[in-house]
Amino acid sequence: MTGHLRHPLTYLQPPARPTGTPDRRALSVYYGPNALNVLCRYRRVIVQPGHYRVDAVRWLQARGVQVLAYLSLGMDSSPHGDWLRGAPDPHWHLRPVDARHPEWRARIEAQVLAHKAVFDGFLLDTLDSASDPVQVRAMLKLVRQVRQWAGPCYLMANRGFGLLPRLGGTINGVLIEALSTTWADGYRTYDRHELEYTAALVAQARRLHLEVYGLDYAVTTRARRFALRRAEALGVPTFVSNRELTLPGGLLPRLAAPERHAYGSLSSTSA
């Protein structure tokens, strides 16, 4: 996952301000091990599947938690492979893949078939790595194949907004990573144009009848508060954490660093 914006502003308009307060216990995104006593407080959690044995996942599920396994469709950490293309990402050292490659598809199929017996679904990440028409078509096909392999499992896309209009009936929800804040180029809140852009993404996802969640990044109390207030204004359940996603309960006020920056007003974010 990254905190970058990858698309220009679209013609989509920000949504009308919803009523009600989103559930702050709706989602946890946590890539560390253990922490079951914290994760069990959430209705849905996204984890790295290699960190949890079957009995741990079953323990969470018995307490009403839907557990989703992280699954990268467009980037890979393997040092070698005929499916790899391009240079590594400078932040996570992952390389983009050729989504058409049969070996890559076989690897994804094997992961889905292995994990669907344990987990309730998948977070489909790195969809935006498909940047040219050939790879976009291949990624669309791969996501549809994941749906076939996963059966009735819950599928959540991380962004991938260039693909979503063509994935009707394939995925259940969308995670808008970096909804109001980012870690890119240093932790910061978005400017007005960036906020308008992500509000438009919320509107697009709702028009497609998808469940919408947010993920924000912060290290200060003020940035955390900004993200949560904007999430409330948009009616989007949002999880605020650090860049590495190692906080199972998200960034709490007692963990936040002292304030060093001035953050913008919410007036530009609430339509």
C-alpha atoms as a PDB file:
ATOM      1  CA  MET A   1       0.000   0.000   0.000  1.00  0.00           C
ATOM      2  CA  THR A   2       1.073   3.509  -0.603  1.00  0.00           C
ATOM      3  CA  GLY A   3      -0.154   6.950   0.255  1.00  0.00           C
ATOM      4  CA  HIS A   4       0.179   8.434  -3.235  1.00  0.00           C
ATOM      5  CA  LEU A   5      -2.511  10.011  -5.372  1.00  0.00           C
ATOM      6  CA  ARG A   6      -2.223   8.537  -8.853  1.00  0.00           C
ATOM      7  CA  HIS A   7      -5.080  10.112 -10.794  1.00  0.00           C
ATOM      8  CA  PRO A   8      -6.022  13.702 -11.693  1.00  0.00           C
ATOM      9  CA  LEU A   9      -9.294  15.278 -10.627  1.00  0.00           C
ATOM     10  CA  THR A  10     -12.208  13.762 -12.509  1.00  0.00           C
ATOM     11  CA  TYR A  11     -15.602  15.099 -13.505  1.00  0.00           C
ATOM     12  CA  LEU A  12     -17.134  13.432 -10.458  1.00  0.00           C
ATOM     13  CA  GLN A  13     -18.593  15.773  -7.876  1.00  0.00           C
ATOM     14  CA  PRO A  14     -18.095  15.364  -4.108  1.00  0.00           C
ATOM     15  CA  PRO A  15     -21.019  13.608  -2.425  1.00  0.00           C
ATOM     16  CA  ALA A  16     -23.611  15.355  -0.324  1.00  0.00           C
ATOM     17  CA  ARG A  17     -22.713  15.254   3.345  1.00  0.00           C
ATOM     18  CA  PRO A  18     -24.251  12.095   4.818  1.00  0.00           C
ATOM     19  CA  THR A  19     -26.032  12.049   8.140  1.00  0.00           C
ATOM     20  CA  GLY A  20     -24.934   9.908  11.039  1.00  0.00           C
ATOM     21  CA  THR A  21     -21.526   8.992  12.411  1.00  0.00           C
ATOM     22  CA  PRO A  22     -19.472   6.222  10.786  1.00  0.00           C
ATOM     23  CA  ASP A  23     -18.498   3.323  12.993  1.00  0.00           C
ATOM     24  CA  ARG A  24     -14.911   3.809  14.123  1.00  0.00           C
ATOM     25  CA  ARG A  25     -14.771   0.123  15.020  1.00  0.00           C
ATOM     26  CA  ALA A  26     -15.755  -0.925  11.496  1.00  0.00           C
ATOM     27  CA  LEU A  27     -12.254  -1.703  10.216  1.00  0.00           C
ATOM     28  CA  SER A  28      -8.688  -2.302  11.363  1.00  0.00           C
ATOM     29  CA  VAL A  29      -5.816  -2.566   8.897  1.00  0.00           C
ATOM     30  CA  TYR A  30      -2.918  -4.211  10.701  1.00  0.00           C
ATOM     31  CA  TYR A  31       0.117  -5.863   9.127  1.00  0.00           C
ATOM     32  CA  GLY A  32       1.806  -7.031  12.311  1.00  0.00           C
ATOM     33  CA  PRO A  33       1.457 -10.314  14.240  1.00  0.00           C
ATOM     34  CA  ASN A  34      -0.584 -11.154  17.353  1.00  0.00           C
ATOM     35  CA  ALA A  35      -2.762  -8.377  18.881  1.00  0.00           C
ATOM     36  CA  LEU A  36      -5.857 -10.593  18.857  1.00  0.00           C
ATOM     37  CA  ASN A  37      -7.186  -8.867  21.963  1.00  0.00           C
ATOM     38  CA  VAL A  38      -7.283  -5.584  20.011  1.00  0.00           C
ATOM     39  CA  LEU A  39      -8.420  -6.936  16.656  1.00  0.00           C
ATOM     40  CA  CYS A  40     -11.414  -8.655  18.260  1.00  0.00           C
ATOM     41  CA  ARG A  41     -12.913  -5.206  18.915  1.00  0.00           C
ATOM     42  CA  TYR A  42     -13.424  -4.617  15.192  1.00  0.00           C
ATOM     43  CA  ARG A  43     -16.115  -5.902  12.855  1.00  0.00           C
ATOM     44  CA  ARG A  44     -13.677  -6.372   9.964  1.00  0.00           C
ATOM     45  CA  VAL A  45      -9.875  -6.611   9.968  1.00  0.00           C
ATOM     46  CA  ILE A  46      -7.280  -6.798   7.195  1.00  0.00           C
ATOM     47  CA  VAL A  47      -4.145  -8.766   8.044  1.00  0.00           C
ATOM     48  CA  GLN A  48      -1.103 -10.358   6.460  1.00  0.00           C
ATOM     49  CA  PRO A  49      -2.161 -14.022   6.169  1.00  0.00           C
ATOM     50  CA  GLY A  50       1.296 -15.367   6.957  1.00  0.00           C
ATOM     51  CA  HIS A  51       1.164 -13.836  10.437  1.00  0.00           C
ATOM     52  CA  TYR A  52      -1.860 -15.796  11.673  1.00  0.00           C
ATOM     53  CA  ARG A  53      -2.402 -19.491  12.160  1.00  0.00           C
ATOM     54  CA  VAL A  54      -5.764 -21.053  11.497  1.00  0.00           C
ATOM     55  CA  ASP A  55      -6.636 -21.194  15.203  1.00  0.00           C
ATOM     56  CA  ALA A  56      -6.006 -17.443  15.602  1.00  0.00           C
ATOM     57  CA  VAL A  57      -8.244 -16.603  12.655  1.00  0.00           C
ATOM     58  CA  ARG A  58     -10.926 -18.939  13.958  1.00  0.00           C
ATOM     59  CA  TRP A  59     -10.686 -17.266  17.386  1.00  0.00           C
ATOM     60  CA  LEU A  60     -11.441 -13.877  15.822  1.00  0.00           C
ATOM     61  CA  GLN A  61     -14.231 -15.244  13.668  1.00  0.00           C
ATOM     62  CA  ALA A  62     -15.870 -16.846  16.693  1.00  0.00           C
ATOM     63  CA  ARG A  63     -16.105 -13.333  18.160  1.00  0.00           C
ATOM     64  CA  GLY A  64     -17.888 -11.953  15.119  1.00  0.00           C
ATOM     65  CA  VAL A  65     -14.841 -10.532  13.313  1.00  0.00           C
ATOM     66  CA  GLN A  66     -14.619 -10.839   9.536  1.00  0.00           C
ATOM     67  CA  VAL A  67     -10.941 -11.457   8.710  1.00  0.00           C
ATOM     68  CA  LEU A  68      -9.629 -10.439   5.279  1.00  0.00           C
ATOM     69  CA  ALA A  69      -6.253 -11.563   3.927  1.00  0.00           C
ATOM     70  CA  TYR A  70      -4.002  -9.095   2.130  1.00  0.00           C
ATOM     71  CA  LEU A  71      -3.416 -10.053  -1.511  1.00  0.00           C
ATOM     72  CA  SER A  72      -1.223  -8.053  -3.896  1.00  0.00           C
ATOM     73  CA  LEU A  73      -2.304  -8.464  -7.525  1.00  0.00           C
ATOM     74  CA  GLY A  74      -0.033  -5.970  -9.240  1.00  0.00           C
ATOM     75  CA  MET A  75       3.264  -5.943  -7.328  1.00  0.00           C
ATOM     76  CA  ASP A  76       5.541  -8.709  -6.063  1.00  0.00           C
ATOM     77  CA  SER A  77       8.428  -8.959  -3.618  1.00  0.00           C
ATOM     78  CA  SER A  78      10.101 -11.905  -5.370  1.00  0.00           C
ATOM     79  CA  PRO A  79      13.701 -11.159  -6.424  1.00  0.00           C
ATOM     80  CA  HIS A  80      13.311 -13.145  -9.626  1.00  0.00           C
ATOM     81  CA  GLY A  81      10.446 -14.215 -11.860  1.00  0.00           C
ATOM     82  CA  ASP A  82       9.474 -14.076 -15.512  1.00  0.00           C
ATOM     83  CA  TRP A  83       6.304 -12.196 -14.518  1.00  0.00           C
ATOM     84  CA  LEU A  84       8.234  -9.216 -13.103  1.00  0.00           C
ATOM     85  CA  ARG A  85       8.540  -5.976 -15.070  1.00  0.00           C
ATOM     86  CA  GLY A  86      10.010  -2.577 -14.314  1.00  0.00           C
ATOM     87  CA  ALA A  87      12.086  -1.232 -11.436  1.00  0.00           C
ATOM     88  CA  PRO A  88      11.294  -1.797  -7.750  1.00  0.00           C
ATOM     89  CA  ASP A  89       9.111   0.674  -5.890  1.00  0.00           C
ATOM     90  CA  PRO A  90      11.415   2.977  -3.878  1.00  0.00           C
ATOM     91  CA  HIS A  91       9.360   2.696  -0.682  1.00  0.00           C
ATOM     92  CA  TRP A  92       8.477  -0.979  -0.410  1.00  0.00           C
ATOM     93  CA  HIS A  93      10.974  -2.501  -2.916  1.00  0.00           C
ATOM     94  CA  LEU A  94       8.202  -4.293  -4.786  1.00  0.00           C
ATOM     95  CA  ARG A  95       8.247  -4.729  -8.543  1.00  0.00           C
ATOM     96  CA  PRO A  96       5.266  -4.439 -10.875  1.00  0.00           C
ATOM     97  CA  VAL A  97       4.117  -7.643 -12.513  1.00  0.00           C
ATOM     98  CA  ASP A  98       2.783  -8.609 -15.905  1.00  0.00           C
ATOM     99  CA  ALA A  99      -0.791  -9.491 -14.958  1.00  0.00           C
ATOM    100  CA  ARG A 100      -1.065 -11.550 -18.176  1.00  0.00           C
ATOM    101  CA  HIS A 101       1.698 -13.958 -17.210  1.00  0.00           C
ATOM    102  CA  PRO A 102       0.406 -17.502 -16.576  1.00  0.00           C
ATOM    103  CA  GLU A 103       2.865 -18.108 -13.743  1.00  0.00           C
ATOM    104  CA  TRP A 104       1.688 -15.002 -11.923  1.00  0.00           C
ATOM    105  CA  ARG A 105      -1.946 -16.014 -12.343  1.00  0.00           C
ATOM    106  CA  ALA A 106      -1.103 -19.487 -11.048  1.00  0.00           C
ATOM    107  CA  ARG A 107       0.560 -17.969  -7.976  1.00  0.00           C
ATOM    108  CA  ILE A 108      -2.483 -15.823  -7.261  1.00  0.00           C
ATOM    109  CA  GLU A 109      -4.831 -18.766  -7.749  1.00  0.00           C
ATOM    110  CA  ALA A 110      -2.801 -20.868  -5.320  1.00  0.00           C
ATOM    111  CA  GLN A 111      -2.942 -18.134  -2.670  1.00  0.00           C
ATOM    112  CA  VAL A 112      -6.674 -17.608  -3.061  1.00  0.00           C
ATOM    113  CA  LEU A 113      -7.485 -21.311  -2.904  1.00  0.00           C
ATOM    114  CA  ALA A 114      -5.264 -21.807   0.135  1.00  0.00           C
ATOM    115  CA  HIS A 115      -6.515 -18.791   2.099  1.00  0.00           C
ATOM    116  CA  LYS A 116     -10.223 -18.913   1.294  1.00  0.00           C
ATOM    117  CA  ALA A 117     -10.516 -22.020   3.445  1.00  0.00           C
ATOM    118  CA  VAL A 118      -9.427 -19.929   6.449  1.00  0.00           C
ATOM    119  CA  PHE A 119     -10.180 -16.265   5.791  1.00  0.00           C
ATOM    120  CA  ASP A 120     -13.479 -14.548   5.046  1.00  0.00           C
ATOM    121  CA  GLY A 121     -12.156 -12.675   2.038  1.00  0.00           C
ATOM    122  CA  PHE A 122      -9.347 -10.616   0.561  1.00  0.00           C
ATOM    123  CA  LEU A 123      -8.054  -7.078   0.233  1.00  0.00           C
ATOM    124  CA  LEU A 124      -6.968  -6.768  -3.396  1.00  0.00           C
ATOM    125  CA  ASP A 125      -4.011  -4.377  -3.373  1.00  0.00           C
ATOM    126  CA  THR A 126      -1.772  -2.726  -5.995  1.00  0.00           C
ATOM    127  CA  LEU A 127      -4.479  -2.715  -8.674  1.00  0.00           C
ATOM    128  CA  ASP A 128      -3.259   0.706  -9.788  1.00  0.00           C
ATOM    129  CA  SER A 129       0.028  -0.765 -11.016  1.00  0.00           C
ATOM    130  CA  ALA A 130      -1.880  -1.615 -14.218  1.00  0.00           C
ATOM    131  CA  SER A 131      -1.264   1.689 -15.978  1.00  0.00           C
ATOM    132  CA  ASP A 132      -1.433   0.904 -19.712  1.00  0.00           C
ATOM    133  CA  PRO A 133      -4.400  -0.522 -21.672  1.00  0.00           C
ATOM    134  CA  VAL A 134      -2.863  -3.988 -22.005  1.00  0.00           C
ATOM    135  CA  GLN A 135      -2.216  -4.323 -18.286  1.00  0.00           C
ATOM    136  CA  VAL A 136      -5.589  -2.801 -17.397  1.00  0.00           C
ATOM    137  CA  ARG A 137      -7.365  -5.498 -19.419  1.00  0.00           C
ATOM    138  CA  ALA A 138      -5.185  -8.162 -17.840  1.00  0.00           C
ATOM    139  CA  MET A 139      -5.850  -6.837 -14.329  1.00  0.00           C
ATOM    140  CA  LEU A 140      -9.607  -6.771 -14.946  1.00  0.00           C
ATOM    141  CA  LYS A 141      -9.430 -10.398 -16.044  1.00  0.00           C
ATOM    142  CA  LEU A 142      -7.328 -11.322 -13.012  1.00  0.00           C
ATOM    143  CA  VAL A 143      -9.749  -9.692 -10.549  1.00  0.00           C
ATOM    144  CA  ARG A 144     -12.653 -11.540 -12.182  1.00  0.00           C
ATOM    145  CA  GLN A 145     -10.694 -14.774 -11.886  1.00  0.00           C
ATOM    146  CA  VAL A 146     -10.068 -14.065  -8.200  1.00  0.00           C
ATOM    147  CA  ARG A 147     -13.834 -13.793  -7.779  1.00  0.00           C
ATOM    148  CA  GLN A 148     -14.274 -17.203  -9.432  1.00  0.00           C
ATOM    149  CA  TRP A 149     -11.575 -18.783  -7.279  1.00  0.00           C
ATOM    150  CA  ALA A 150     -12.768 -17.089  -4.082  1.00  0.00           C
ATOM    151  CA  GLY A 151     -16.431 -17.971  -4.512  1.00  0.00           C
ATOM    152  CA  PRO A 152     -18.642 -16.041  -2.078  1.00  0.00           C
ATOM    153  CA  CYS A 153     -15.728 -14.536  -0.109  1.00  0.00           C
ATOM    154  CA  TYR A 154     -15.784 -10.786   0.538  1.00  0.00           C
ATOM    155  CA  LEU A 155     -13.536  -8.881  -1.892  1.00  0.00           C
ATOM    156  CA  MET A 156     -12.361  -5.356  -1.103  1.00  0.00           C
ATOM    157  CA  ALA A 157     -10.327  -3.372  -3.651  1.00  0.00           C
ATOM    158  CA  ASN A 158      -7.710  -0.908  -2.489  1.00  0.00           C
ATOM    159  CA  ARG A 159      -8.353   2.056  -4.788  1.00  0.00           C
ATOM    160  CA  GLY A 160      -8.203   0.813  -8.396  1.00  0.00           C
ATOM    161  CA  PHE A 161     -10.751   3.443  -9.422  1.00  0.00           C
ATOM    162  CA  GLY A 162      -9.885   3.200 -13.095  1.00  0.00           C
ATOM    163  CA  LEU A 163     -11.063  -0.425 -12.969  1.00  0.00           C
ATOM    164  CA  LEU A 164     -14.083  -0.291 -10.689  1.00  0.00           C
ATOM    165  CA  PRO A 165     -16.720   0.772 -13.245  1.00  0.00           C
ATOM    166  CA  ARG A 166     -15.922  -2.405 -15.199  1.00  0.00           C
ATOM    167  CA  LEU A 167     -15.992  -4.696 -12.169  1.00  0.00           C
ATOM    168  CA  GLY A 168     -19.697  -4.530 -11.387  1.00  0.00           C
ATOM    169  CA  GLY A 169     -20.763  -7.594  -9.426  1.00  0.00           C
ATOM    170  CA  THR A 170     -17.156  -8.683  -8.895  1.00  0.00           C
ATOM    171  CA  ILE A 171     -16.113  -6.875  -5.708  1.00  0.00           C
ATOM    172  CA  ASN A 172     -18.008  -5.965  -2.559  1.00  0.00           C
ATOM    173  CA  GLY A 173     -16.211  -2.913  -1.245  1.00  0.00           C
ATOM    174  CA  VAL A 174     -13.433  -0.415  -1.769  1.00  0.00           C
ATOM    175  CA  LEU A 175     -10.761   0.950   0.543  1.00  0.00           C
ATOM    176  CA  ILE A 176      -9.781   4.544  -0.215  1.00  0.00           C
ATOM    177  CA  GLU A 177      -6.232   4.587   1.048  1.00  0.00           C
ATOM    178  CA  ALA A 178      -5.011   8.057   1.984  1.00  0.00           C
ATOM    179  CA  LEU A 179      -8.513   9.510   2.117  1.00  0.00           C
ATOM    180  CA  SER A 180      -7.526  12.728   3.892  1.00  0.00           C
ATOM    181  CA  THR A 181      -3.875  12.366   4.889  1.00  0.00           C
ATOM    182  CA  THR A 182      -0.735  10.778   3.491  1.00  0.00           C
ATOM    183  CA  TRP A 183       2.774   9.754   4.438  1.00  0.00           C
ATOM    184  CA  ALA A 184       4.160  10.530   0.965  1.00  0.00           C
ATOM    185  CA  ASP A 185       6.801  13.277   1.099  1.00  0.00           C
ATOM    186  CA  GLY A 186       6.334  13.392   4.851  1.00  0.00           C
ATOM    187  CA  TYR A 187       3.160  12.939   6.870  1.00  0.00           C
ATOM    188  CA  ARG A 188       0.696  15.658   5.923  1.00  0.00           C
ATOM    189  CA  THR A 189      -2.952  16.390   5.298  1.00  0.00           C
ATOM    190  CA  TYR A 190      -4.175  16.961   1.778  1.00  0.00           C
ATOM    191  CA  ASP A 191      -4.672  20.338   0.208  1.00  0.00           C
ATOM    192  CA  ARG A 192      -8.067  21.443  -1.065  1.00  0.00           C
ATOM    193  CA  HIS A 193      -7.746  19.918  -4.541  1.00  0.00           C
ATOM    194  CA  GLU A 194      -6.593  16.578  -3.152  1.00  0.00           C
ATOM    195  CA  LEU A 195      -9.481  16.560  -0.692  1.00  0.00           C
ATOM    196  CA  GLU A 196     -11.942  17.297  -3.488  1.00  0.00           C
ATOM    197  CA  TYR A 197     -10.444  14.453  -5.480  1.00  0.00           C
ATOM    198  CA  THR A 198     -10.851  11.848  -2.735  1.00  0.00           C
ATOM    199  CA  ALA A 199     -14.375  13.105  -2.002  1.00  0.00           C
ATOM    200  CA  ALA A 200     -15.096  12.409  -5.671  1.00  0.00           C
ATOM    201  CA  LEU A 201     -13.756   8.873  -5.211  1.00  0.00           C
ATOM    202  CA  VAL A 202     -16.213   8.337  -2.367  1.00  0.00           C
ATOM    203  CA  ALA A 203     -19.030   9.501  -4.639  1.00  0.00           C
ATOM    204  CA  GLN A 204     -17.901   7.179  -7.429  1.00  0.00           C
ATOM    205  CA  ALA A 205     -17.765   4.155  -5.136  1.00  0.00           C
ATOM    206  CA  ARG A 206     -21.245   4.893  -3.806  1.00  0.00           C
ATOM    207  CA  ARG A 207     -22.657   5.196  -7.293  1.00  0.00           C
ATOM    208  CA  LEU A 208     -21.263   1.735  -7.946  1.00  0.00           C
ATOM    209  CA  HIS A 209     -23.077   0.482  -4.821  1.00  0.00           C
ATOM    210  CA  LEU A 210     -19.858  -0.532  -3.074  1.00  0.00           C
ATOM    211  CA  GLU A 211     -19.148  -0.437   0.644  1.00  0.00           C
ATOM    212  CA  VAL A 212     -16.662   2.390   1.227  1.00  0.00           C
ATOM    213  CA  TYR A 213     -13.895   2.500   3.830  1.00  0.00           C
ATOM    214  CA  GLY A 214     -11.025   4.912   4.395  1.00  0.00           C
ATOM    215  CA  LEU A 215      -7.429   4.476   5.513  1.00  0.00           C
ATOM    216  CA  ASP A 216      -5.405   7.472   6.651  1.00  0.00           C
ATOM    217  CA  TYR A 217      -1.886   8.017   7.926  1.00  0.00           C
ATOM    218  CA  ALA A 218      -0.846  10.312  10.756  1.00  0.00           C
ATOM    219  CA  VAL A 219       1.676  10.761  13.547  1.00  0.00           C
ATOM    220  CA  THR A 220       0.140  13.744  15.366  1.00  0.00           C
ATOM    221  CA  THR A 221      -3.067  14.197  17.296  1.00  0.00           C
ATOM    222  CA  ARG A 222      -4.114  17.087  15.077  1.00  0.00           C
ATOM    223  CA  ALA A 223      -3.717  15.114  11.858  1.00  0.00           C
ATOM    224  CA  ARG A 224      -5.571  12.165  13.387  1.00  0.00           C
ATOM    225  CA  ARG A 225      -8.396  14.444  14.458  1.00  0.00           C
ATOM    226  CA  PHE A 226      -8.514  16.051  11.015  1.00  0.00           C
ATOM    227  CA  ALA A 227      -8.819  12.644   9.320  1.00  0.00           C
ATOM    228  CA  LEU A 228     -11.541  11.410  11.670  1.00  0.00           C
ATOM    229  CA  ARG A 229     -13.570  14.629  11.471  1.00  0.00           C
ATOM    230  CA  ARG A 230     -13.465  14.536   7.684  1.00  0.00           C
ATOM    231  CA  ALA A 231     -14.368  10.848   7.675  1.00  0.00           C
ATOM    232  CA  GLU A 232     -17.398  11.714   9.789  1.00  0.00           C
ATOM    233  CA  ALA A 233     -18.330  14.521   7.382  1.00  0.00           C
ATOM    234  CA  LEU A 234     -18.157  12.105   4.449  1.00  0.00           C
ATOM    235  CA  GLY A 235     -19.839   9.266   6.334  1.00  0.00           C
ATOM    236  CA  VAL A 236     -16.921   6.908   5.689  1.00  0.00           C
ATOM    237  CA  PRO A 237     -15.592   4.502   8.360  1.00  0.00           C
ATOM    238  CA  THR A 238     -11.883   5.302   8.461  1.00  0.00           C
ATOM    239  CA  PHE A 239      -8.876   3.754  10.169  1.00  0.00           C
ATOM    240  CA  VAL A 240      -5.944   6.035  11.034  1.00  0.00           C
ATOM    241  CA  SER A 241      -2.549   4.408  11.472  1.00  0.00           C
ATOM    242  CA  ASN A 242       1.149   4.791  10.756  1.00  0.00           C
ATOM    243  CA  ARG A 243       2.775   4.175   7.383  1.00  0.00           C
ATOM    244  CA  GLU A 244       3.859   0.640   8.316  1.00  0.00           C
ATOM    245  CA  LEU A 245       0.355  -0.299   9.570  1.00  0.00           C
ATOM    246  CA  THR A 246       1.750  -1.719  12.802  1.00  0.00           C
ATOM    247  CA  LEU A 247      -0.897  -0.263  15.148  1.00  0.00           C
ATOM    248  CA  PRO A 248      -3.764  -2.780  15.541  1.00  0.00           C
ATOM    249  CA  GLY A 249      -5.973  -0.196  17.242  1.00  0.00           C
ATOM    250  CA  GLY A 250      -4.848   2.630  15.020  1.00  0.00           C
ATOM    251  CA  LEU A 251      -3.090   5.821  16.074  1.00  0.00           C
ATOM    252  CA  LEU A 252      -4.327   6.763  19.539  1.00  0.00           C
ATOM    253  CA  PRO A 253      -3.867  10.224  21.067  1.00  0.00           C
ATOM    254  CA  ARG A 254      -1.365   8.941  23.622  1.00  0.00           C
ATOM    255  CA  LEU A 255       0.781   7.523  20.794  1.00  0.00           C
ATOM    256  CA  ALA A 256       0.747  10.649  18.653  1.00  0.00           C
ATOM    257  CA  ALA A 257       3.766  12.926  18.389  1.00  0.00           C
ATOM    258  CA  PRO A 258       3.655  16.565  19.530  1.00  0.00           C
ATOM    259  CA  GLU A 259       2.134  19.014  17.061  1.00  0.00           C
ATOM    260  CA  ARG A 260       4.586  20.614  14.663  1.00  0.00           C
ATOM    261  CA  HIS A 261       2.402  21.538  11.712  1.00  0.00           C
ATOM    262  CA  ALA A 262      -0.676  23.599  10.956  1.00  0.00           C
ATOM    263  CA  TYR A 263      -3.400  21.677   9.155  1.00  0.00           C
ATOM    264  CA  GLY A 264      -6.092  22.983   6.844  1.00  0.00           C
ATOM    265  CA  SER A 265      -9.746  23.616   7.524  1.00  0.00           C
ATOM    266  CA  LEU A 266     -12.456  21.052   6.896  1.00  0.00           C
ATOM    267  CA  SER A 267     -14.473  23.654   5.054  1.00  0.00           C
ATOM    268  CA  SER A 268     -13.207  22.444   1.694  1.00  0.00           C
ATOM    269  CA  THR A 269     -13.949  18.798   2.422  1.00  0.00           C
ATOM    270  CA  SER A 270     -17.590  18.738   3.357  1.00  0.00           C
ATOM    271  CA  ALA A 271     -19.858  19.253   0.419  1.00  0.00           C
END
